[in-house]
């Protein structure tokens, strides 16, 4: 009887272990299947479009050398001002009191200097006394001139005609030396600023004219500066081109420049493959059975294909329509829907 009970308990125990082992087996799930596009092909020899920003050739950030309180702001954002116009006044009460005291002291020193001169002419004063009086006069005059110069720094005036782009402070704020107060943008000449790789800017030269588009309007600009590989991180240079007919164009507007003779290094990517994260643009690349998020730089293109300016290689396999894919997620590649570019 005891043996039968023992065997029953053992059988029950083995049964529970067997069931537990069966439940513990991981459930196999199908890997997400995504189509893969191969990046190939080149852009046309006619050139590529690159992003640019429209800027004024004359900009100034107004500041002061004094530590003072903002007494009065005479302008607002978007207001046009003429050269020499008073933009902002800072508190100058302490400086005015110091100037008044310095001018009183100067008058006393000037009177003393005149007396010494008269005595010296009568040979009743020595050369040493005259030189001392002259030194005192020069010191007093320098003190008055310095205070007047400091007072001028409390009057913020426009160095050229233009538009108030932004106001950094309000009345009552306390500011110190070098604190940005106002940003002034000059009217008239405008320029386009863009970043280019060495391959993209290889055909450009100073003085060359290029096409551009901005906010529905188009025109021509002349290349004024071109630095290759100036940025240590991206190895890209800066292109500056002066707009030949700047009428009706807004400062800070987005624009694009057609770089003649440039190619996009042989790579294009479909718009449907792009992944946007704020201001960053990326794609998912199929690599060793996983999806790898790769940040890239693209230019402007026509239709569904965009030129890849950096971030991809010719052999990379880009996942089309990634949906909710995550970086490092396992995938099963379905070869198909290959995009061979143009």
C-alpha atoms as a PDB file:
ATOM      1  CA  UNK A   1       0.000   0.000   0.000  1.00  0.00           C
ATOM      2  CA  UNK A   2       2.806   2.354   0.910  1.00  0.00           C
ATOM      3  CA  UNK A   3       4.651   1.408  -2.285  1.00  0.00           C
ATOM      4  CA  UNK A   4       1.596   2.192  -4.413  1.00  0.00           C
ATOM      5  CA  UNK A   5       1.173   5.577  -2.761  1.00  0.00           C
ATOM      6  CA  UNK A   6       4.854   6.383  -3.286  1.00  0.00           C
ATOM      7  CA  UNK A   7       4.649   5.460  -6.979  1.00  0.00           C
ATOM      8  CA  UNK A   8       1.550   7.598  -7.377  1.00  0.00           C
ATOM      9  CA  UNK A   9       3.297  10.637  -5.846  1.00  0.00           C
ATOM     10  CA  UNK A  10       6.325  10.145  -8.112  1.00  0.00           C
ATOM     11  CA  UNK A  11       4.143   9.834 -11.159  1.00  0.00           C
ATOM     12  CA  UNK A  12       2.289  12.999 -10.242  1.00  0.00           C
ATOM     13  CA  UNK A  13       5.573  14.836  -9.639  1.00  0.00           C
ATOM     14  CA  UNK A  14       7.028  13.770 -12.988  1.00  0.00           C
ATOM     15  CA  UNK A  15       3.805  14.772 -14.686  1.00  0.00           C
ATOM     16  CA  UNK A  16       3.902  18.249 -13.171  1.00  0.00           C
ATOM     17  CA  UNK A  17       7.555  18.661 -14.152  1.00  0.00           C
ATOM     18  CA  UNK A  18       6.775  17.553 -17.653  1.00  0.00           C
ATOM     19  CA  UNK A  19       3.903  20.031 -17.917  1.00  0.00           C
ATOM     20  CA  UNK A  20       6.013  22.817 -16.441  1.00  0.00           C
ATOM     21  CA  UNK A  21       8.804  22.075 -18.908  1.00  0.00           C
ATOM     22  CA  UNK A  22       6.340  22.178 -21.765  1.00  0.00           C
ATOM     23  CA  UNK A  23       4.936  25.544 -20.645  1.00  0.00           C
ATOM     24  CA  UNK A  24       8.457  26.979 -20.175  1.00  0.00           C
ATOM     25  CA  UNK A  25       9.425  26.471 -23.810  1.00  0.00           C
ATOM     26  CA  UNK A  26       9.674  29.843 -25.524  1.00  0.00           C
ATOM     27  CA  UNK A  27       7.064  30.595 -28.084  1.00  0.00           C
ATOM     28  CA  UNK A  28       8.558  31.014 -31.539  1.00  0.00           C
ATOM     29  CA  UNK A  29       7.456  34.065 -33.401  1.00  0.00           C
ATOM     30  CA  UNK A  30       7.820  34.895 -37.055  1.00  0.00           C
ATOM     31  CA  UNK A  31      10.378  37.579 -37.796  1.00  0.00           C
ATOM     32  CA  UNK A  32       8.987  40.722 -39.442  1.00  0.00           C
ATOM     33  CA  UNK A  33       9.400  40.554 -43.188  1.00  0.00           C
ATOM     34  CA  UNK A  34      10.361  43.775 -44.934  1.00  0.00           C
ATOM     35  CA  UNK A  35      11.208  44.568 -48.543  1.00  0.00           C
ATOM     36  CA  UNK A  36      14.754  45.704 -49.228  1.00  0.00           C
ATOM     37  CA  UNK A  37      15.854  48.269 -51.815  1.00  0.00           C
ATOM     38  CA  UNK A  38      19.398  48.345 -53.145  1.00  0.00           C
ATOM     39  CA  UNK A  39      20.878  51.797 -53.589  1.00  0.00           C
ATOM     40  CA  UNK A  40      22.321  52.193 -57.060  1.00  0.00           C
ATOM     41  CA  UNK A  41      22.430  54.583 -59.984  1.00  0.00           C
ATOM     42  CA  UNK A  42      23.565  58.198 -60.307  1.00  0.00           C
ATOM     43  CA  UNK A  43      22.072  61.623 -60.642  1.00  0.00           C
ATOM     44  CA  UNK A  44      21.939  63.360 -63.965  1.00  0.00           C
ATOM     45  CA  UNK A  45      24.969  65.347 -65.067  1.00  0.00           C
ATOM     46  CA  UNK A  46      22.906  68.536 -65.069  1.00  0.00           C
ATOM     47  CA  UNK A  47      23.609  69.041 -61.356  1.00  0.00           C
ATOM     48  CA  UNK A  48      21.936  68.560 -58.004  1.00  0.00           C
ATOM     49  CA  UNK A  49      19.923  70.794 -55.701  1.00  0.00           C
ATOM     50  CA  UNK A  50      21.385  71.572 -52.289  1.00  0.00           C
ATOM     51  CA  UNK A  51      19.668  73.277 -49.355  1.00  0.00           C
ATOM     52  CA  UNK A  52      20.647  76.859 -48.519  1.00  0.00           C
ATOM     53  CA  UNK A  53      19.614  79.745 -46.283  1.00  0.00           C
ATOM     54  CA  UNK A  54      18.949  83.289 -47.442  1.00  0.00           C
ATOM     55  CA  UNK A  55      20.872  85.850 -45.400  1.00  0.00           C
ATOM     56  CA  UNK A  56      21.776  89.509 -45.508  1.00  0.00           C
ATOM     57  CA  UNK A  57      25.371  90.415 -46.243  1.00  0.00           C
ATOM     58  CA  UNK A  58      25.189  92.914 -43.364  1.00  0.00           C
ATOM     59  CA  UNK A  59      24.105  91.788 -39.893  1.00  0.00           C
ATOM     60  CA  UNK A  60      24.987  93.181 -36.465  1.00  0.00           C
ATOM     61  CA  UNK A  61      24.282  92.069 -32.913  1.00  0.00           C
ATOM     62  CA  UNK A  62      24.101  95.230 -30.822  1.00  0.00           C
ATOM     63  CA  UNK A  63      25.640  95.250 -27.328  1.00  0.00           C
ATOM     64  CA  UNK A  64      27.256  97.669 -24.888  1.00  0.00           C
ATOM     65  CA  UNK A  65      30.464  97.933 -22.887  1.00  0.00           C
ATOM     66  CA  UNK A  66      28.615  99.210 -19.834  1.00  0.00           C
ATOM     67  CA  UNK A  67      26.839  97.502 -16.951  1.00  0.00           C
ATOM     68  CA  UNK A  68      23.519  99.307 -16.693  1.00  0.00           C
ATOM     69  CA  UNK A  69      19.734  98.972 -16.647  1.00  0.00           C
ATOM     70  CA  UNK A  70      17.698  99.163 -19.851  1.00  0.00           C
ATOM     71  CA  UNK A  71      15.941 102.500 -19.608  1.00  0.00           C
ATOM     72  CA  UNK A  72      14.042 102.719 -22.886  1.00  0.00           C
ATOM     73  CA  UNK A  73      13.581 100.533 -25.967  1.00  0.00           C
ATOM     74  CA  UNK A  74      12.685 102.628 -28.997  1.00  0.00           C
ATOM     75  CA  UNK A  75      12.175  99.865 -31.602  1.00  0.00           C
ATOM     76  CA  UNK A  76      10.337  96.585 -32.115  1.00  0.00           C
ATOM     77  CA  UNK A  77      10.955  93.480 -34.238  1.00  0.00           C
ATOM     78  CA  UNK A  78      10.383  94.081 -37.933  1.00  0.00           C
ATOM     79  CA  UNK A  79      10.795  97.862 -37.650  1.00  0.00           C
ATOM     80  CA  UNK A  80      12.907  99.581 -40.298  1.00  0.00           C
ATOM     81  CA  UNK A  81      15.494 102.048 -39.014  1.00  0.00           C
ATOM     82  CA  UNK A  82      17.933 104.476 -40.603  1.00  0.00           C
ATOM     83  CA  UNK A  83      21.641 104.690 -39.902  1.00  0.00           C
ATOM     84  CA  UNK A  84      22.307 106.573 -36.652  1.00  0.00           C
ATOM     85  CA  UNK A  85      18.770 106.082 -35.296  1.00  0.00           C
ATOM     86  CA  UNK A  86      18.505 105.671 -31.496  1.00  0.00           C
ATOM     87  CA  UNK A  87      17.473 102.070 -30.831  1.00  0.00           C
ATOM     88  CA  UNK A  88      17.845 101.712 -27.076  1.00  0.00           C
ATOM     89  CA  UNK A  89      18.839 103.873 -24.091  1.00  0.00           C
ATOM     90  CA  UNK A  90      20.516 102.537 -20.954  1.00  0.00           C
ATOM     91  CA  UNK A  91      20.499 104.132 -17.535  1.00  0.00           C
ATOM     92  CA  UNK A  92      23.211 106.820 -17.335  1.00  0.00           C
ATOM     93  CA  UNK A  93      22.485 108.674 -14.066  1.00  0.00           C
ATOM     94  CA  UNK A  94      25.738 107.593 -12.377  1.00  0.00           C
ATOM     95  CA  UNK A  95      27.797 108.495 -15.423  1.00  0.00           C
ATOM     96  CA  UNK A  96      26.110 111.888 -15.723  1.00  0.00           C
ATOM     97  CA  UNK A  97      26.972 112.657 -12.078  1.00  0.00           C
ATOM     98  CA  UNK A  98      30.561 111.538 -12.610  1.00  0.00           C
ATOM     99  CA  UNK A  99      30.826 113.648 -15.751  1.00  0.00           C
ATOM    100  CA  UNK A 100      29.529 116.740 -13.971  1.00  0.00           C
ATOM    101  CA  UNK A 101      32.103 116.294 -11.194  1.00  0.00           C
ATOM    102  CA  UNK A 102      34.877 115.685 -13.724  1.00  0.00           C
ATOM    103  CA  UNK A 103      33.965 118.813 -15.706  1.00  0.00           C
ATOM    104  CA  UNK A 104      34.023 120.873 -12.487  1.00  0.00           C
ATOM    105  CA  UNK A 105      37.439 119.472 -11.668  1.00  0.00           C
ATOM    106  CA  UNK A 106      38.619 120.227 -15.187  1.00  0.00           C
ATOM    107  CA  UNK A 107      37.543 123.855 -14.876  1.00  0.00           C
ATOM    108  CA  UNK A 108      39.567 124.169 -11.664  1.00  0.00           C
ATOM    109  CA  UNK A 109      42.635 122.597 -13.263  1.00  0.00           C
ATOM    110  CA  UNK A 110      42.308 124.866 -16.313  1.00  0.00           C
ATOM    111  CA  UNK A 111      42.208 127.956 -14.065  1.00  0.00           C
ATOM    112  CA  UNK A 112      45.295 126.753 -12.191  1.00  0.00           C
ATOM    113  CA  UNK A 113      47.084 126.102 -15.478  1.00  0.00           C
ATOM    114  CA  UNK A 114      46.331 129.617 -16.692  1.00  0.00           C
ATOM    115  CA  UNK A 115      47.760 131.123 -13.476  1.00  0.00           C
ATOM    116  CA  UNK A 116      50.940 129.073 -13.771  1.00  0.00           C
ATOM    117  CA  UNK A 117      51.324 130.157 -17.393  1.00  0.00           C
ATOM    118  CA  UNK A 118      50.998 133.818 -16.402  1.00  0.00           C
ATOM    119  CA  UNK A 119      53.493 133.426 -13.566  1.00  0.00           C
ATOM    120  CA  UNK A 120      55.914 131.558 -15.807  1.00  0.00           C
ATOM    121  CA  UNK A 121      55.731 134.359 -18.365  1.00  0.00           C
ATOM    122  CA  UNK A 122      56.717 136.763 -15.556  1.00  0.00           C
ATOM    123  CA  UNK A 123      59.473 134.354 -14.460  1.00  0.00           C
ATOM    124  CA  UNK A 124      57.659 133.947 -11.142  1.00  0.00           C
ATOM    125  CA  UNK A 125      57.100 130.202 -11.666  1.00  0.00           C
ATOM    126  CA  UNK A 126      59.524 127.400 -12.432  1.00  0.00           C
ATOM    127  CA  UNK A 127      59.581 125.041 -15.419  1.00  0.00           C
ATOM    128  CA  UNK A 128      58.792 122.148 -13.081  1.00  0.00           C
ATOM    129  CA  UNK A 129      55.610 123.855 -11.815  1.00  0.00           C
ATOM    130  CA  UNK A 130      54.488 124.537 -15.378  1.00  0.00           C
ATOM    131  CA  UNK A 131      55.041 120.896 -16.438  1.00  0.00           C
ATOM    132  CA  UNK A 132      53.128 119.697 -13.392  1.00  0.00           C
ATOM    133  CA  UNK A 133      50.205 121.982 -14.215  1.00  0.00           C
ATOM    134  CA  UNK A 134      50.210 120.759 -17.831  1.00  0.00           C
ATOM    135  CA  UNK A 135      50.166 117.103 -16.691  1.00  0.00           C
ATOM    136  CA  UNK A 136      47.238 117.787 -14.350  1.00  0.00           C
ATOM    137  CA  UNK A 137      45.359 119.464 -17.195  1.00  0.00           C
ATOM    138  CA  UNK A 138      45.938 116.539 -19.564  1.00  0.00           C
ATOM    139  CA  UNK A 139      44.771 114.060 -16.912  1.00  0.00           C
ATOM    140  CA  UNK A 140      41.581 116.017 -16.201  1.00  0.00           C
ATOM    141  CA  UNK A 141      40.796 116.332 -19.922  1.00  0.00           C
ATOM    142  CA  UNK A 142      41.337 112.580 -20.391  1.00  0.00           C
ATOM    143  CA  UNK A 143      38.940 111.804 -17.540  1.00  0.00           C
ATOM    144  CA  UNK A 144      36.184 113.936 -19.073  1.00  0.00           C
ATOM    145  CA  UNK A 145      36.723 112.390 -22.525  1.00  0.00           C
ATOM    146  CA  UNK A 146      36.551 108.861 -21.061  1.00  0.00           C
ATOM    147  CA  UNK A 147      33.263 109.555 -19.290  1.00  0.00           C
ATOM    148  CA  UNK A 148      31.749 111.071 -22.436  1.00  0.00           C
ATOM    149  CA  UNK A 149      32.772 107.946 -24.377  1.00  0.00           C
ATOM    150  CA  UNK A 150      31.149 105.731 -21.752  1.00  0.00           C
ATOM    151  CA  UNK A 151      27.981 107.804 -21.962  1.00  0.00           C
ATOM    152  CA  UNK A 152      27.902 107.191 -25.699  1.00  0.00           C
ATOM    153  CA  UNK A 153      27.779 103.443 -25.023  1.00  0.00           C
ATOM    154  CA  UNK A 154      24.491 103.937 -23.165  1.00  0.00           C
ATOM    155  CA  UNK A 155      22.939 105.198 -26.407  1.00  0.00           C
ATOM    156  CA  UNK A 156      22.564 102.222 -28.752  1.00  0.00           C
ATOM    157  CA  UNK A 157      22.348 103.521 -32.327  1.00  0.00           C
ATOM    158  CA  UNK A 158      22.011 101.802 -35.698  1.00  0.00           C
ATOM    159  CA  UNK A 159      25.391 101.410 -37.464  1.00  0.00           C
ATOM    160  CA  UNK A 160      23.583 101.079 -40.806  1.00  0.00           C
ATOM    161  CA  UNK A 161      20.056 101.142 -42.202  1.00  0.00           C
ATOM    162  CA  UNK A 162      18.102  97.937 -41.874  1.00  0.00           C
ATOM    163  CA  UNK A 163      15.388  95.965 -40.080  1.00  0.00           C
ATOM    164  CA  UNK A 164      15.285  94.955 -36.410  1.00  0.00           C
ATOM    165  CA  UNK A 165      15.452  91.160 -36.605  1.00  0.00           C
ATOM    166  CA  UNK A 166      15.074  90.455 -32.883  1.00  0.00           C
ATOM    167  CA  UNK A 167      15.033  92.186 -29.501  1.00  0.00           C
ATOM    168  CA  UNK A 168      16.866  90.359 -26.741  1.00  0.00           C
ATOM    169  CA  UNK A 169      15.984  92.470 -23.659  1.00  0.00           C
ATOM    170  CA  UNK A 170      13.117  94.479 -22.196  1.00  0.00           C
ATOM    171  CA  UNK A 171      12.898  97.765 -20.343  1.00  0.00           C
ATOM    172  CA  UNK A 172      14.083  97.344 -16.764  1.00  0.00           C
ATOM    173  CA  UNK A 173      16.476  94.474 -17.506  1.00  0.00           C
ATOM    174  CA  UNK A 174      19.996  94.770 -16.140  1.00  0.00           C
ATOM    175  CA  UNK A 175      22.667  94.107 -18.776  1.00  0.00           C
ATOM    176  CA  UNK A 176      26.410  93.747 -18.627  1.00  0.00           C
ATOM    177  CA  UNK A 177      29.272  94.279 -21.079  1.00  0.00           C
ATOM    178  CA  UNK A 178      28.778  92.206 -24.224  1.00  0.00           C
ATOM    179  CA  UNK A 179      25.163  91.235 -23.474  1.00  0.00           C
ATOM    180  CA  UNK A 180      23.236  90.933 -26.803  1.00  0.00           C
ATOM    181  CA  UNK A 181      20.572  93.639 -26.959  1.00  0.00           C
ATOM    182  CA  UNK A 182      19.285  93.815 -30.526  1.00  0.00           C
ATOM    183  CA  UNK A 183      19.936  92.084 -33.847  1.00  0.00           C
ATOM    184  CA  UNK A 184      19.950  94.351 -36.901  1.00  0.00           C
ATOM    185  CA  UNK A 185      19.794  93.016 -40.460  1.00  0.00           C
ATOM    186  CA  UNK A 186      20.761  95.307 -43.300  1.00  0.00           C
ATOM    187  CA  UNK A 187      18.524  95.757 -46.307  1.00  0.00           C
ATOM    188  CA  UNK A 188      19.820  95.493 -49.829  1.00  0.00           C
ATOM    189  CA  UNK A 189      22.392  92.869 -50.680  1.00  0.00           C
ATOM    190  CA  UNK A 190      21.530  89.259 -49.806  1.00  0.00           C
ATOM    191  CA  UNK A 191      23.454  86.016 -50.075  1.00  0.00           C
ATOM    192  CA  UNK A 192      22.776  82.290 -50.075  1.00  0.00           C
ATOM    193  CA  UNK A 193      24.742  80.116 -47.653  1.00  0.00           C
ATOM    194  CA  UNK A 194      25.008  76.333 -48.124  1.00  0.00           C
ATOM    195  CA  UNK A 195      27.288  73.445 -47.144  1.00  0.00           C
ATOM    196  CA  UNK A 196      28.810  71.252 -49.837  1.00  0.00           C
ATOM    197  CA  UNK A 197      31.002  68.182 -49.969  1.00  0.00           C
ATOM    198  CA  UNK A 198      34.194  68.311 -51.984  1.00  0.00           C
ATOM    199  CA  UNK A 199      32.608  66.253 -54.764  1.00  0.00           C
ATOM    200  CA  UNK A 200      29.553  68.516 -54.945  1.00  0.00           C
ATOM    201  CA  UNK A 201      31.534  71.751 -55.066  1.00  0.00           C
ATOM    202  CA  UNK A 202      34.262  70.522 -57.386  1.00  0.00           C
ATOM    203  CA  UNK A 203      32.836  72.257 -60.453  1.00  0.00           C
ATOM    204  CA  UNK A 204      32.181  75.601 -58.732  1.00  0.00           C
ATOM    205  CA  UNK A 205      34.443  78.641 -58.950  1.00  0.00           C
ATOM    206  CA  UNK A 206      34.280  82.157 -57.580  1.00  0.00           C
ATOM    207  CA  UNK A 207      32.358  84.448 -59.896  1.00  0.00           C
ATOM    208  CA  UNK A 208      30.263  81.608 -61.358  1.00  0.00           C
ATOM    209  CA  UNK A 209      26.504  82.141 -61.558  1.00  0.00           C
ATOM    210  CA  UNK A 210      24.107  79.520 -60.164  1.00  0.00           C
ATOM    211  CA  UNK A 211      20.348  79.116 -60.156  1.00  0.00           C
ATOM    212  CA  UNK A 212      18.346  79.186 -56.939  1.00  0.00           C
ATOM    213  CA  UNK A 213      14.743  78.870 -55.757  1.00  0.00           C
ATOM    214  CA  UNK A 214      13.146  80.315 -52.624  1.00  0.00           C
ATOM    215  CA  UNK A 215       9.474  80.494 -51.568  1.00  0.00           C
ATOM    216  CA  UNK A 216       8.134  80.010 -55.067  1.00  0.00           C
ATOM    217  CA  UNK A 217      10.459  82.493 -56.755  1.00  0.00           C
ATOM    218  CA  UNK A 218      13.687  81.819 -58.614  1.00  0.00           C
ATOM    219  CA  UNK A 219      16.709  83.767 -59.712  1.00  0.00           C
ATOM    220  CA  UNK A 220      20.464  83.814 -60.100  1.00  0.00           C
ATOM    221  CA  UNK A 221      23.273  84.225 -57.586  1.00  0.00           C
ATOM    222  CA  UNK A 222      26.993  84.734 -58.036  1.00  0.00           C
ATOM    223  CA  UNK A 223      29.480  82.623 -56.065  1.00  0.00           C
ATOM    224  CA  UNK A 224      31.522  84.894 -53.792  1.00  0.00           C
ATOM    225  CA  UNK A 225      33.208  82.385 -51.465  1.00  0.00           C
ATOM    226  CA  UNK A 226      33.834  78.648 -51.488  1.00  0.00           C
ATOM    227  CA  UNK A 227      35.739  76.738 -48.816  1.00  0.00           C
ATOM    228  CA  UNK A 228      36.256  73.010 -49.265  1.00  0.00           C
ATOM    229  CA  UNK A 229      36.194  70.691 -46.246  1.00  0.00           C
ATOM    230  CA  UNK A 230      36.148  73.478 -43.693  1.00  0.00           C
ATOM    231  CA  UNK A 231      34.184  71.491 -41.099  1.00  0.00           C
ATOM    232  CA  UNK A 232      36.340  68.937 -39.269  1.00  0.00           C
ATOM    233  CA  UNK A 233      33.364  66.685 -38.463  1.00  0.00           C
ATOM    234  CA  UNK A 234      31.411  66.576 -41.741  1.00  0.00           C
ATOM    235  CA  UNK A 235      34.364  67.449 -44.021  1.00  0.00           C
ATOM    236  CA  UNK A 236      32.112  69.865 -45.868  1.00  0.00           C
ATOM    237  CA  UNK A 237      32.786  73.401 -46.936  1.00  0.00           C
ATOM    238  CA  UNK A 238      30.703  76.578 -47.084  1.00  0.00           C
ATOM    239  CA  UNK A 239      29.316  78.123 -50.251  1.00  0.00           C
ATOM    240  CA  UNK A 240      28.317  81.794 -50.340  1.00  0.00           C
ATOM    241  CA  UNK A 241      26.573  83.247 -53.363  1.00  0.00           C
ATOM    242  CA  UNK A 242      25.378  86.865 -53.698  1.00  0.00           C
ATOM    243  CA  UNK A 243      21.791  87.184 -54.952  1.00  0.00           C
ATOM    244  CA  UNK A 244      21.753  89.295 -58.109  1.00  0.00           C
ATOM    245  CA  UNK A 245      18.133  90.496 -57.782  1.00  0.00           C
ATOM    246  CA  UNK A 246      17.165  90.364 -54.083  1.00  0.00           C
ATOM    247  CA  UNK A 247      13.786  92.103 -54.350  1.00  0.00           C
ATOM    248  CA  UNK A 248      10.928  90.398 -52.483  1.00  0.00           C
ATOM    249  CA  UNK A 249      13.075  87.773 -50.728  1.00  0.00           C
ATOM    250  CA  UNK A 250      12.840  87.394 -46.937  1.00  0.00           C
ATOM    251  CA  UNK A 251      15.839  87.050 -44.638  1.00  0.00           C
ATOM    252  CA  UNK A 252      16.246  83.580 -43.150  1.00  0.00           C
ATOM    253  CA  UNK A 253      14.083  81.913 -45.799  1.00  0.00           C
ATOM    254  CA  UNK A 254      14.816  78.385 -46.936  1.00  0.00           C
ATOM    255  CA  UNK A 255      16.245  78.136 -50.439  1.00  0.00           C
ATOM    256  CA  UNK A 256      17.944  75.633 -52.680  1.00  0.00           C
ATOM    257  CA  UNK A 257      20.802  76.059 -55.116  1.00  0.00           C
ATOM    258  CA  UNK A 258      21.342  74.095 -58.316  1.00  0.00           C
ATOM    259  CA  UNK A 259      25.005  73.077 -58.322  1.00  0.00           C
ATOM    260  CA  UNK A 260      25.977  72.523 -61.970  1.00  0.00           C
ATOM    261  CA  UNK A 261      28.073  69.511 -62.928  1.00  0.00           C
ATOM    262  CA  UNK A 262      27.716  67.919 -59.478  1.00  0.00           C
ATOM    263  CA  UNK A 263      26.672  64.347 -58.784  1.00  0.00           C
ATOM    264  CA  UNK A 264      25.308  62.789 -55.625  1.00  0.00           C
ATOM    265  CA  UNK A 265      28.186  60.295 -55.403  1.00  0.00           C
ATOM    266  CA  UNK A 266      26.115  57.679 -57.241  1.00  0.00           C
ATOM    267  CA  UNK A 267      23.492  57.108 -54.538  1.00  0.00           C
ATOM    268  CA  UNK A 268      19.767  57.714 -54.409  1.00  0.00           C
ATOM    269  CA  UNK A 269      17.110  56.709 -51.897  1.00  0.00           C
ATOM    270  CA  UNK A 270      13.348  56.450 -52.152  1.00  0.00           C
ATOM    271  CA  UNK A 271      11.246  58.897 -50.148  1.00  0.00           C
ATOM    272  CA  UNK A 272       9.234  55.956 -48.794  1.00  0.00           C
ATOM    273  CA  UNK A 273      12.370  54.628 -47.064  1.00  0.00           C
ATOM    274  CA  UNK A 274      13.036  57.758 -45.039  1.00  0.00           C
ATOM    275  CA  UNK A 275      12.663  57.875 -41.254  1.00  0.00           C
ATOM    276  CA  UNK A 276      12.206  61.323 -39.703  1.00  0.00           C
ATOM    277  CA  UNK A 277      13.213  62.065 -36.101  1.00  0.00           C
ATOM    278  CA  UNK A 278      12.780  65.780 -35.517  1.00  0.00           C
ATOM    279  CA  UNK A 279      15.303  67.481 -37.791  1.00  0.00           C
ATOM    280  CA  UNK A 280      17.237  64.245 -38.418  1.00  0.00           C
ATOM    281  CA  UNK A 281      16.746  62.062 -41.490  1.00  0.00           C
ATOM    282  CA  UNK A 282      17.596  58.383 -41.527  1.00  0.00           C
ATOM    283  CA  UNK A 283      16.952  55.014 -43.115  1.00  0.00           C
ATOM    284  CA  UNK A 284      16.965  51.433 -41.854  1.00  0.00           C
ATOM    285  CA  UNK A 285      19.656  49.222 -43.370  1.00  0.00           C
ATOM    286  CA  UNK A 286      19.407  45.431 -43.376  1.00  0.00           C
ATOM    287  CA  UNK A 287      22.593  44.119 -41.755  1.00  0.00           C
ATOM    288  CA  UNK A 288      23.278  40.618 -40.424  1.00  0.00           C
ATOM    289  CA  UNK A 289      19.631  39.823 -39.853  1.00  0.00           C
ATOM    290  CA  UNK A 290      18.851  43.057 -38.008  1.00  0.00           C
ATOM    291  CA  UNK A 291      17.576  46.524 -38.866  1.00  0.00           C
ATOM    292  CA  UNK A 292      20.234  49.179 -38.341  1.00  0.00           C
ATOM    293  CA  UNK A 293      19.168  52.830 -38.158  1.00  0.00           C
ATOM    294  CA  UNK A 294      21.514  55.006 -40.210  1.00  0.00           C
ATOM    295  CA  UNK A 295      21.396  58.818 -40.180  1.00  0.00           C
ATOM    296  CA  UNK A 296      21.922  60.309 -43.634  1.00  0.00           C
ATOM    297  CA  UNK A 297      21.968  63.623 -45.460  1.00  0.00           C
ATOM    298  CA  UNK A 298      19.855  63.956 -48.579  1.00  0.00           C
ATOM    299  CA  UNK A 299      19.502  66.653 -51.193  1.00  0.00           C
ATOM    300  CA  UNK A 300      16.485  67.829 -53.155  1.00  0.00           C
ATOM    301  CA  UNK A 301      15.321  65.554 -55.913  1.00  0.00           C
ATOM    302  CA  UNK A 302      12.614  65.187 -58.487  1.00  0.00           C
ATOM    303  CA  UNK A 303       9.921  62.549 -58.004  1.00  0.00           C
ATOM    304  CA  UNK A 304      10.395  59.692 -55.550  1.00  0.00           C
ATOM    305  CA  UNK A 305      14.214  59.515 -55.646  1.00  0.00           C
ATOM    306  CA  UNK A 306      16.407  61.743 -53.508  1.00  0.00           C
ATOM    307  CA  UNK A 307      20.183  62.103 -53.857  1.00  0.00           C
ATOM    308  CA  UNK A 308      22.128  60.841 -50.842  1.00  0.00           C
ATOM    309  CA  UNK A 309      24.838  63.302 -49.857  1.00  0.00           C
ATOM    310  CA  UNK A 310      26.321  61.320 -46.950  1.00  0.00           C
ATOM    311  CA  UNK A 311      25.653  58.359 -44.673  1.00  0.00           C
ATOM    312  CA  UNK A 312      25.243  55.483 -47.151  1.00  0.00           C
ATOM    313  CA  UNK A 313      27.474  53.278 -49.288  1.00  0.00           C
ATOM    314  CA  UNK A 314      26.744  51.676 -52.614  1.00  0.00           C
ATOM    315  CA  UNK A 315      26.501  48.170 -51.090  1.00  0.00           C
ATOM    316  CA  UNK A 316      24.028  49.129 -48.313  1.00  0.00           C
ATOM    317  CA  UNK A 317      20.580  47.527 -48.487  1.00  0.00           C
ATOM    318  CA  UNK A 318      17.936  50.043 -47.477  1.00  0.00           C
ATOM    319  CA  UNK A 319      14.605  48.856 -46.079  1.00  0.00           C
ATOM    320  CA  UNK A 320      11.631  50.309 -47.884  1.00  0.00           C
ATOM    321  CA  UNK A 321       8.592  51.446 -45.871  1.00  0.00           C
ATOM    322  CA  UNK A 322      10.109  50.617 -42.444  1.00  0.00           C
ATOM    323  CA  UNK A 323       6.919  51.416 -40.540  1.00  0.00           C
ATOM    324  CA  UNK A 324       7.431  50.827 -36.808  1.00  0.00           C
ATOM    325  CA  UNK A 325      10.849  49.184 -37.083  1.00  0.00           C
ATOM    326  CA  UNK A 326      13.298  49.819 -34.258  1.00  0.00           C
ATOM    327  CA  UNK A 327      17.059  49.991 -34.312  1.00  0.00           C
ATOM    328  CA  UNK A 328      18.511  46.504 -33.756  1.00  0.00           C
ATOM    329  CA  UNK A 329      15.202  44.685 -34.321  1.00  0.00           C
ATOM    330  CA  UNK A 330      15.645  41.230 -35.935  1.00  0.00           C
ATOM    331  CA  UNK A 331      14.261  40.923 -39.455  1.00  0.00           C
ATOM    332  CA  UNK A 332      13.867  38.432 -42.246  1.00  0.00           C
ATOM    333  CA  UNK A 333      14.785  39.944 -45.568  1.00  0.00           C
ATOM    334  CA  UNK A 334      12.544  39.412 -48.556  1.00  0.00           C
ATOM    335  CA  UNK A 335      14.590  40.297 -51.605  1.00  0.00           C
ATOM    336  CA  UNK A 336      12.383  42.196 -53.983  1.00  0.00           C
ATOM    337  CA  UNK A 337      11.253  45.642 -54.944  1.00  0.00           C
ATOM    338  CA  UNK A 338      14.850  46.574 -55.756  1.00  0.00           C
ATOM    339  CA  UNK A 339      15.350  50.217 -56.624  1.00  0.00           C
ATOM    340  CA  UNK A 340      18.106  50.632 -59.173  1.00  0.00           C
ATOM    341  CA  UNK A 341      17.829  54.425 -59.318  1.00  0.00           C
ATOM    342  CA  UNK A 342      17.756  56.310 -62.555  1.00  0.00           C
END
